[in-house]
Amino acid sequence: MAIFAFVFLLFFLLIIAGAAALAVWVYHDAQRAGMESPGLWALLVVFTTWIGLIIYLVIKGSRQPGRMYYYPPGYQPPPSYQNPPPPPPAYPQPPQPRQNPPSPPPASPDNDPLSQ
C-alpha cells in the first residue's frame, strides 16, 4: 500500500511540475508575442493544462497569420531580404494623347503687323 501511495504522489507531482513548466513557457511566449495579459494565459494553462495550451496556441495563431518567426519591434531586415520592387508591366503603356498648344489670340486690325 505504501508503494501505491508513493507512485501516486510521484505521478501527481510530475503532473503539477509539467503544468507549471507549460505555464512558464506560455507566459514567456505570450509576453514575447506581445499578447495582452500573459499572466492570465499562464493561469489558464495551470488550471486546464492541455486544453488551455491548445486554446492559447489556436488564439495566438489566429492573431498572427503567416508569421513564422518573431522579430523584435522596429526590426528591419537587411535590404537583400526585403521585398523586391514590382516588375515592369508586361505590355507597354499606350502613349498619352498629345496636348494641342494653345491657339494664339485672334488678330485685330489694330495689332496686325502685316496690315501696317
Protein backbone atom coordinates (compact mmCIF):
# COMPACT_ATOMS: atom_id res chain seq x y z
CA MET A 1 0.00 0.00 0.00
CA ALA A 2 2.88 2.38 0.74
CA ILE A 3 4.34 1.81 -2.72
CA PHE A 4 1.00 2.67 -4.32
CA ALA A 5 0.83 5.91 -2.34
CA PHE A 6 4.43 6.76 -3.30
CA VAL A 7 3.77 6.13 -7.02
CA PHE A 8 0.54 8.14 -6.85
CA LEU A 9 2.34 11.04 -5.13
CA LEU A 10 5.18 10.92 -7.66
CA PHE A 11 2.71 10.91 -10.56
CA PHE A 12 0.79 13.82 -9.03
CA LEU A 13 3.99 15.84 -8.55
CA LEU A 14 5.03 15.19 -12.16
CA ILE A 15 1.67 16.47 -13.39
CA ILE A 16 2.00 19.62 -11.25
CA ALA A 17 5.58 20.20 -12.44
CA GLY A 18 4.54 19.72 -16.07
CA ALA A 19 1.65 22.17 -15.72
CA ALA A 20 3.98 24.70 -14.09
CA ALA A 21 6.56 24.28 -16.87
CA LEU A 22 3.85 24.74 -19.53
CA ALA A 23 2.55 27.84 -17.73
CA VAL A 24 6.04 29.39 -17.61
CA TRP A 25 6.54 28.69 -21.30
CA VAL A 26 3.13 30.15 -22.22
CA TYR A 27 3.81 33.24 -20.10
CA HIS A 28 7.13 33.95 -21.81
CA ASP A 29 5.78 33.15 -25.27
CA ALA A 30 2.73 35.38 -24.82
CA GLN A 31 4.92 38.18 -23.50
CA ARG A 32 7.33 37.85 -26.42
CA ALA A 33 4.47 37.78 -28.95
CA GLY A 34 3.01 40.97 -27.49
CA MET A 35 -0.28 39.40 -26.44
CA GLU A 36 -2.44 41.06 -23.84
CA SER A 37 -2.23 39.74 -20.25
CA PRO A 38 0.29 36.88 -20.47
CA GLY A 39 -0.33 36.13 -16.78
CA LEU A 40 -3.94 35.18 -17.48
CA TRP A 41 -2.81 32.85 -20.26
CA ALA A 42 -0.40 31.19 -17.82
CA LEU A 43 -3.18 30.76 -15.24
CA LEU A 44 -5.44 29.24 -17.89
CA VAL A 45 -2.75 26.68 -18.67
CA VAL A 46 -2.14 25.93 -14.97
CA PHE A 47 -5.79 25.15 -14.34
CA THR A 48 -6.68 23.42 -17.61
CA THR A 49 -3.24 22.11 -18.75
CA TRP A 50 -3.52 20.68 -22.28
CA ILE A 51 -6.89 22.23 -23.09
CA GLY A 52 -5.63 25.67 -22.10
CA LEU A 53 -2.46 25.13 -24.11
CA ILE A 54 -4.48 24.22 -27.21
CA ILE A 55 -6.74 27.28 -26.74
CA TYR A 56 -3.66 29.50 -26.35
CA LEU A 57 -2.00 28.13 -29.48
CA VAL A 58 -5.18 28.48 -31.58
CA ILE A 59 -5.77 32.08 -30.50
CA LYS A 60 -2.13 33.02 -30.87
CA GLY A 61 -2.05 31.52 -34.37
CA SER A 62 -5.17 33.40 -35.42
CA ARG A 63 -3.66 36.70 -34.24
CA GLN A 64 -0.55 36.37 -36.40
CA PRO A 65 -1.44 34.96 -39.81
CA GLY A 66 1.55 33.95 -41.87
CA ARG A 67 4.07 34.96 -39.25
CA MET A 68 6.51 32.17 -38.53
CA TYR A 69 9.33 33.95 -36.76
CA TYR A 70 9.50 36.51 -34.00
CA TYR A 71 11.08 39.85 -34.81
CA PRO A 72 11.53 42.49 -32.12
CA PRO A 73 9.62 45.75 -32.61
CA GLY A 74 11.35 48.08 -35.05
CA TYR A 75 13.41 45.33 -36.68
CA GLN A 76 14.16 45.94 -40.34
CA PRO A 77 15.54 43.05 -42.37
CA PRO A 78 18.65 43.70 -44.46
CA PRO A 79 17.95 45.19 -47.91
CA SER A 80 18.64 41.88 -49.64
CA TYR A 81 15.75 40.25 -47.72
CA GLN A 82 13.16 42.95 -48.31
CA ASN A 83 10.52 42.60 -50.97
CA PRO A 84 11.86 43.39 -54.44
CA PRO A 85 10.23 46.19 -56.44
CA PRO A 86 7.34 45.13 -58.65
CA PRO A 87 8.28 44.04 -62.16
CA PRO A 88 7.55 46.37 -65.07
CA PRO A 89 4.25 45.81 -66.87
CA ALA A 90 4.24 43.05 -69.47
CA TYR A 91 2.89 45.30 -72.21
CA PRO A 92 3.98 48.88 -72.87
CA GLN A 93 1.56 51.53 -71.78
CA PRO A 94 -0.32 53.26 -74.63
CA PRO A 95 1.02 56.72 -75.44
CA GLN A 96 -0.73 59.60 -73.79
CA PRO A 97 -2.78 61.80 -76.16
CA ARG A 98 -0.91 64.91 -77.29
CA GLN A 99 -1.97 68.20 -75.91
CA ASN A 100 -2.54 70.82 -78.62
CA PRO A 101 -0.71 74.08 -77.94
CA PRO A 102 -2.97 76.97 -77.09
CA SER A 103 -4.10 78.89 -80.16
CA PRO A 104 -2.92 82.50 -80.46
CA PRO A 105 -5.48 85.21 -79.85
CA PRO A 106 -7.33 86.37 -82.94
CA ALA A 107 -5.63 89.20 -84.75
CA SER A 108 -7.33 92.54 -84.57
CA PRO A 109 -6.81 95.21 -87.24
CA ASP A 110 -5.11 97.45 -84.71
CA ASN A 111 -2.47 94.87 -83.75
CA ASP A 112 -1.95 93.20 -87.12
CA PRO A 113 1.72 93.70 -88.09
CA LEU A 114 1.07 92.83 -91.75
CA SER A 115 -1.60 95.45 -92.37
CA GLN A 116 0.67 98.38 -91.50
